């Protein structure tokens, strides 16, 4: 998705405009809620894009727990067939680092909640 590329680029440039990231998170949530399948004129999310999205948002000061819940759902519980096996090693590492950096576990199987000890 183009949104993943844009968020990644803005994050790499240390661009911190909350309105841009809020809009990108909202659009990403819409796409992930639709299963990341795309739709008319929209191609589906790929694992690399989802891991890039997670990494980019984890590097921002704007907390987006609903987005991380949606990412976890997309990767782990999608249509009874988890997509996590489709991620390469770097993608899995990016997801793990992103969830650890944001101290977010709310979307984890078993219903864990975010927050530290």
N, C-alpha and C. Protein backbone atom coordinates (compact mmCIF):
# COMPACT_ATOMS: atom_id res chain seq x y z
N UNK A 1 0.85 -1.19 0.00
CA UNK A 1 0.00 0.00 0.00
C UNK A 1 0.87 1.22 0.00
N UNK A 2 0.43 2.20 -0.71
CA UNK A 2 1.17 3.45 -0.78
C UNK A 2 1.27 4.12 0.58
N UNK A 3 0.24 3.92 1.42
CA UNK A 3 0.26 4.54 2.74
C UNK A 3 1.46 4.03 3.55
N UNK A 4 1.78 2.76 3.45
CA UNK A 4 2.92 2.21 4.18
C UNK A 4 4.22 2.85 3.70
N UNK A 5 4.36 3.05 2.41
CA UNK A 5 5.57 3.68 1.86
C UNK A 5 5.69 5.13 2.30
N UNK A 6 4.57 5.85 2.29
CA UNK A 6 4.60 7.25 2.72
C UNK A 6 4.95 7.38 4.20
N UNK A 7 4.33 6.56 5.03
CA UNK A 7 4.61 6.62 6.47
C UNK A 7 6.07 6.27 6.73
N UNK A 8 6.58 5.26 6.04
CA UNK A 8 7.98 4.89 6.20
C UNK A 8 8.90 6.06 5.82
N UNK A 9 8.62 6.70 4.68
CA UNK A 9 9.45 7.82 4.22
C UNK A 9 9.41 8.98 5.20
N UNK A 10 8.21 9.34 5.67
CA UNK A 10 8.10 10.43 6.63
C UNK A 10 8.83 10.10 7.92
N UNK A 11 8.73 8.86 8.35
CA UNK A 11 9.41 8.45 9.57
C UNK A 11 10.92 8.53 9.41
N UNK A 12 11.43 8.08 8.27
CA UNK A 12 12.88 8.14 8.02
C UNK A 12 13.39 9.57 7.97
N UNK A 13 12.54 10.49 7.52
CA UNK A 13 12.92 11.91 7.45
C UNK A 13 12.70 12.63 8.78
N UNK A 14 12.27 11.90 9.80
CA UNK A 14 11.98 12.44 11.12
C UNK A 14 10.86 13.48 11.07
N UNK A 15 9.96 13.32 10.13
CA UNK A 15 8.79 14.17 9.98
C UNK A 15 7.80 13.76 11.06
N UNK A 16 7.34 14.70 11.88
CA UNK A 16 6.52 14.35 13.04
C UNK A 16 5.14 15.00 13.06
N UNK A 17 4.61 15.42 11.94
CA UNK A 17 3.31 16.08 11.90
C UNK A 17 2.20 15.10 12.28
N UNK A 18 1.58 15.35 13.42
CA UNK A 18 0.55 14.44 13.94
C UNK A 18 -0.60 14.26 12.96
N UNK A 19 -1.01 15.32 12.29
CA UNK A 19 -2.16 15.23 11.38
C UNK A 19 -1.89 14.24 10.24
N UNK A 20 -0.68 14.21 9.74
CA UNK A 20 -0.32 13.28 8.66
C UNK A 20 -0.38 11.84 9.16
N UNK A 21 0.19 11.60 10.33
CA UNK A 21 0.21 10.25 10.86
C UNK A 21 -1.17 9.80 11.33
N UNK A 22 -1.97 10.74 11.82
CA UNK A 22 -3.35 10.40 12.18
C UNK A 22 -4.14 9.96 10.96
N UNK A 23 -4.00 10.69 9.87
CA UNK A 23 -4.71 10.34 8.63
C UNK A 23 -4.21 9.01 8.08
N UNK A 24 -2.89 8.79 8.13
CA UNK A 24 -2.33 7.53 7.64
C UNK A 24 -2.79 6.36 8.51
N UNK A 25 -2.86 6.57 9.81
CA UNK A 25 -3.32 5.51 10.71
C UNK A 25 -4.78 5.19 10.44
N UNK A 26 -5.59 6.21 10.23
CA UNK A 26 -7.01 6.00 9.94
C UNK A 26 -7.20 5.19 8.66
N UNK A 27 -6.48 5.56 7.62
CA UNK A 27 -6.58 4.84 6.34
C UNK A 27 -6.06 3.41 6.48
N UNK A 28 -4.97 3.24 7.21
CA UNK A 28 -4.42 1.90 7.43
C UNK A 28 -5.40 1.03 8.19
N UNK A 29 -6.07 1.60 9.18
CA UNK A 29 -7.08 0.86 9.93
C UNK A 29 -8.21 0.40 9.02
N UNK A 30 -8.65 1.27 8.13
CA UNK A 30 -9.71 0.91 7.17
C UNK A 30 -9.27 -0.27 6.31
N UNK A 31 -8.05 -0.21 5.81
CA UNK A 31 -7.55 -1.26 4.92
C UNK A 31 -7.33 -2.57 5.68
N UNK A 32 -6.79 -2.47 6.89
CA UNK A 32 -6.56 -3.68 7.68
C UNK A 32 -7.87 -4.30 8.13
N UNK A 33 -8.86 -3.47 8.44
CA UNK A 33 -10.18 -3.97 8.84
C UNK A 33 -10.84 -4.73 7.69
N UNK A 34 -10.53 -4.32 6.49
CA UNK A 34 -11.06 -5.01 5.30
C UNK A 34 -10.24 -6.25 4.99
N UNK A 35 -9.35 -6.60 5.89
CA UNK A 35 -8.51 -7.78 5.69
C UNK A 35 -7.27 -7.48 4.89
N UNK A 36 -7.04 -6.19 4.61
CA UNK A 36 -5.88 -5.82 3.81
C UNK A 36 -5.96 -6.36 2.41
N UNK A 37 -7.19 -6.70 1.97
CA UNK A 37 -7.37 -7.33 0.66
C UNK A 37 -7.37 -6.34 -0.48
N UNK A 38 -7.42 -5.08 -0.16
CA UNK A 38 -7.50 -4.09 -1.21
C UNK A 38 -8.95 -3.86 -1.59
N UNK A 39 -9.23 -3.79 -2.82
CA UNK A 39 -10.56 -3.51 -3.31
C UNK A 39 -10.41 -2.90 -4.69
N UNK A 40 -11.44 -2.25 -5.12
CA UNK A 40 -11.39 -1.65 -6.45
C UNK A 40 -10.27 -0.61 -6.52
N UNK A 41 -9.30 -0.86 -7.35
CA UNK A 41 -8.19 0.06 -7.55
C UNK A 41 -7.18 0.07 -6.41
N UNK A 42 -7.33 -0.82 -5.42
CA UNK A 42 -6.41 -0.88 -4.29
C UNK A 42 -5.85 -2.29 -4.19
N UNK A 43 -4.54 -2.39 -4.23
CA UNK A 43 -3.96 -3.72 -4.13
C UNK A 43 -3.81 -4.11 -2.66
N UNK A 44 -3.83 -5.41 -2.36
CA UNK A 44 -3.78 -5.85 -0.97
C UNK A 44 -2.44 -5.58 -0.31
N UNK A 45 -2.46 -5.52 1.02
CA UNK A 45 -1.22 -5.38 1.79
C UNK A 45 -0.35 -6.60 1.59
N UNK A 46 0.94 -6.38 1.58
CA UNK A 46 1.93 -7.45 1.58
C UNK A 46 2.59 -7.45 2.96
N UNK A 47 3.13 -8.59 3.41
CA UNK A 47 3.78 -8.63 4.72
C UNK A 47 4.85 -7.56 4.92
N UNK A 48 5.66 -7.30 3.89
CA UNK A 48 6.70 -6.27 4.01
C UNK A 48 6.09 -4.91 4.32
N UNK A 49 4.97 -4.59 3.70
CA UNK A 49 4.32 -3.30 3.93
C UNK A 49 3.76 -3.21 5.35
N UNK A 50 3.21 -4.31 5.85
CA UNK A 50 2.66 -4.31 7.20
C UNK A 50 3.78 -4.15 8.23
N UNK A 51 4.89 -4.85 8.03
CA UNK A 51 6.00 -4.71 8.98
C UNK A 51 6.61 -3.32 8.90
N UNK A 52 6.66 -2.75 7.71
CA UNK A 52 7.16 -1.38 7.54
C UNK A 52 6.23 -0.37 8.21
N UNK A 53 4.95 -0.60 8.09
CA UNK A 53 3.95 0.26 8.72
C UNK A 53 4.13 0.24 10.24
N UNK A 54 4.25 -0.97 10.79
CA UNK A 54 4.44 -1.12 12.24
C UNK A 54 5.72 -0.42 12.69
N UNK A 55 6.80 -0.66 11.98
CA UNK A 55 8.08 -0.06 12.34
C UNK A 55 8.02 1.46 12.29
N UNK A 56 7.40 1.99 11.26
CA UNK A 56 7.31 3.45 11.09
C UNK A 56 6.49 4.08 12.20
N UNK A 57 5.36 3.49 12.55
CA UNK A 57 4.53 4.05 13.62
C UNK A 57 5.19 3.88 14.98
N UNK A 58 5.96 2.82 15.17
CA UNK A 58 6.66 2.61 16.44
C UNK A 58 7.71 3.68 16.67
N UNK A 59 8.21 4.27 15.60
CA UNK A 59 9.24 5.30 15.70
C UNK A 59 8.66 6.70 15.86
N UNK A 60 7.35 6.80 15.94
CA UNK A 60 6.68 8.09 16.08
C UNK A 60 6.25 8.31 17.52
N UNK A 61 6.15 9.57 17.94
CA UNK A 61 5.69 9.85 19.30
C UNK A 61 4.18 9.73 19.45
N UNK A 62 3.48 9.46 18.36
CA UNK A 62 2.02 9.37 18.38
C UNK A 62 1.60 7.93 18.65
N UNK A 63 0.97 7.66 19.77
CA UNK A 63 0.55 6.30 20.09
C UNK A 63 -0.68 5.92 19.28
N UNK A 64 -0.68 4.73 18.75
CA UNK A 64 -1.78 4.23 17.93
C UNK A 64 -2.10 2.79 18.31
N UNK A 65 -2.62 2.55 19.53
CA UNK A 65 -2.88 1.17 19.94
C UNK A 65 -3.87 0.44 19.04
N UNK A 66 -4.88 1.12 18.53
CA UNK A 66 -5.85 0.46 17.65
C UNK A 66 -5.17 -0.03 16.37
N UNK A 67 -4.21 0.74 15.87
CA UNK A 67 -3.49 0.33 14.67
C UNK A 67 -2.66 -0.93 14.94
N UNK A 68 -2.00 -0.96 16.09
CA UNK A 68 -1.20 -2.14 16.43
C UNK A 68 -2.09 -3.36 16.67
N UNK A 69 -3.27 -3.16 17.22
CA UNK A 69 -4.24 -4.27 17.35
C UNK A 69 -4.60 -4.80 15.96
N UNK A 70 -4.85 -3.89 15.03
CA UNK A 70 -5.23 -4.29 13.67
C UNK A 70 -4.08 -5.00 12.97
N UNK A 71 -2.86 -4.53 13.18
CA UNK A 71 -1.69 -5.18 12.57
C UNK A 71 -1.54 -6.59 13.12
N UNK A 72 -1.68 -6.75 14.43
CA UNK A 72 -1.59 -8.08 15.04
C UNK A 72 -2.69 -8.99 14.49
N UNK A 73 -3.89 -8.46 14.37
CA UNK A 73 -4.98 -9.25 13.82
C UNK A 73 -4.71 -9.67 12.39
N UNK A 74 -4.18 -8.77 11.59
CA UNK A 74 -3.87 -9.06 10.19
C UNK A 74 -2.80 -10.15 10.09
N UNK A 75 -1.78 -10.06 10.92
CA UNK A 75 -0.66 -10.99 10.83
C UNK A 75 -0.96 -12.34 11.48
N UNK A 76 -1.73 -12.32 12.57
CA UNK A 76 -1.88 -13.55 13.35
C UNK A 76 -3.21 -14.27 13.20
N UNK A 77 -4.28 -13.52 12.92
CA UNK A 77 -5.60 -14.16 12.94
C UNK A 77 -6.39 -13.93 11.66
N UNK A 78 -5.74 -13.69 10.59
CA UNK A 78 -6.43 -13.36 9.35
C UNK A 78 -7.13 -14.58 8.75
N UNK A 79 -8.45 -14.49 8.66
CA UNK A 79 -9.26 -15.50 7.96
C UNK A 79 -8.89 -16.93 8.34
N UNK A 80 -8.64 -17.18 9.60
CA UNK A 80 -8.31 -18.50 10.12
C UNK A 80 -6.97 -19.02 9.60
N UNK A 81 -6.29 -18.27 8.76
CA UNK A 81 -4.96 -18.65 8.28
C UNK A 81 -4.00 -17.51 8.59
N UNK A 82 -3.22 -17.65 9.63
CA UNK A 82 -2.29 -16.58 9.98
C UNK A 82 -1.34 -16.24 8.84
N UNK A 83 -1.05 -14.98 8.70
CA UNK A 83 -0.13 -14.54 7.65
C UNK A 83 1.31 -14.45 8.15
N UNK A 84 1.53 -14.62 9.44
CA UNK A 84 2.87 -14.51 9.98
C UNK A 84 3.88 -15.40 9.25
N UNK A 85 3.52 -16.62 8.86
CA UNK A 85 4.48 -17.45 8.12
C UNK A 85 4.91 -16.84 6.77
N UNK A 86 4.16 -15.87 6.26
CA UNK A 86 4.52 -15.24 5.00
C UNK A 86 5.59 -14.16 5.15
N UNK A 87 5.86 -13.74 6.39
CA UNK A 87 6.86 -12.71 6.65
C UNK A 87 8.26 -13.33 6.56
N UNK A 88 9.21 -12.56 6.02
CA UNK A 88 10.59 -13.02 6.06
C UNK A 88 11.15 -12.69 7.45
N UNK A 89 12.38 -13.10 7.70
CA UNK A 89 12.98 -12.92 9.02
C UNK A 89 13.03 -11.44 9.41
N UNK A 90 13.37 -10.57 8.47
CA UNK A 90 13.45 -9.14 8.77
C UNK A 90 12.07 -8.59 9.12
N UNK A 91 11.05 -9.04 8.42
CA UNK A 91 9.69 -8.58 8.71
C UNK A 91 9.23 -9.00 10.10
N UNK A 92 9.54 -10.23 10.48
CA UNK A 92 9.18 -10.70 11.83
C UNK A 92 9.93 -9.88 12.87
N UNK A 93 11.22 -9.64 12.64
CA UNK A 93 12.01 -8.82 13.57
C UNK A 93 11.44 -7.41 13.69
N UNK A 94 11.05 -6.82 12.56
CA UNK A 94 10.46 -5.49 12.59
C UNK A 94 9.16 -5.47 13.40
N UNK A 95 8.32 -6.49 13.21
CA UNK A 95 7.07 -6.57 13.98
C UNK A 95 7.38 -6.70 15.47
N UNK A 96 8.27 -7.61 15.81
CA UNK A 96 8.60 -7.82 17.22
C UNK A 96 9.17 -6.56 17.85
N UNK A 97 10.09 -5.90 17.16
CA UNK A 97 10.68 -4.68 17.70
C UNK A 97 9.61 -3.60 17.86
N UNK A 98 8.73 -3.47 16.88
CA UNK A 98 7.69 -2.45 16.92
C UNK A 98 6.76 -2.64 18.11
N UNK A 99 6.34 -3.87 18.34
CA UNK A 99 5.46 -4.14 19.47
C UNK A 99 6.19 -3.95 20.79
N UNK A 100 7.46 -4.33 20.85
CA UNK A 100 8.23 -4.13 22.07
C UNK A 100 8.48 -2.64 22.33
N UNK A 101 8.82 -1.91 21.28
CA UNK A 101 9.12 -0.48 21.42
C UNK A 101 7.91 0.32 21.88
N UNK A 102 6.72 -0.12 21.47
CA UNK A 102 5.50 0.59 21.86
C UNK A 102 4.89 -0.02 23.11
N UNK A 103 5.50 -1.07 23.63
CA UNK A 103 4.99 -1.77 24.81
C UNK A 103 3.55 -2.17 24.59
N UNK A 104 3.27 -2.66 23.39
CA UNK A 104 1.90 -3.00 23.01
C UNK A 104 1.75 -4.51 22.85
N UNK A 105 0.78 -5.07 23.56
CA UNK A 105 0.49 -6.49 23.44
C UNK A 105 -1.01 -6.72 23.34
N UNK A 106 -1.80 -5.67 23.20
CA UNK A 106 -3.25 -5.78 23.20
C UNK A 106 -3.82 -6.62 22.10
N UNK A 107 -3.15 -6.72 20.96
CA UNK A 107 -3.68 -7.51 19.86
C UNK A 107 -3.15 -8.92 19.87
N UNK A 108 -2.42 -9.28 20.90
CA UNK A 108 -1.81 -10.61 20.95
C UNK A 108 -2.86 -11.67 21.21
N UNK A 109 -2.67 -12.86 20.66
CA UNK A 109 -3.59 -13.96 20.95
C UNK A 109 -3.63 -14.18 22.45
N UNK A 110 -4.78 -14.45 22.98
CA UNK A 110 -4.92 -14.63 24.42
C UNK A 110 -5.42 -13.38 25.10
N UNK A 111 -5.55 -12.27 24.35
CA UNK A 111 -6.13 -11.06 24.89
C UNK A 111 -5.27 -10.29 25.85
N UNK A 112 -3.93 -10.38 25.74
CA UNK A 112 -3.06 -9.62 26.62
C UNK A 112 -3.31 -8.13 26.47
N UNK A 113 -2.91 -7.38 27.46
CA UNK A 113 -3.11 -5.93 27.42
C UNK A 113 -1.76 -5.26 27.33
N UNK A 114 -1.72 -4.10 26.69
CA UNK A 114 -0.48 -3.33 26.60
C UNK A 114 -0.14 -2.75 27.94
N UNK A 115 1.07 -2.22 28.02
CA UNK A 115 1.50 -1.60 29.26
C UNK A 115 2.59 -2.42 29.90
N UNK A 116 3.48 -1.73 30.57
CA UNK A 116 4.59 -2.40 31.22
C UNK A 116 4.21 -2.84 32.62
N UNK A 117 5.21 -3.38 33.31
CA UNK A 117 4.95 -3.84 34.67
C UNK A 117 5.12 -2.72 35.64
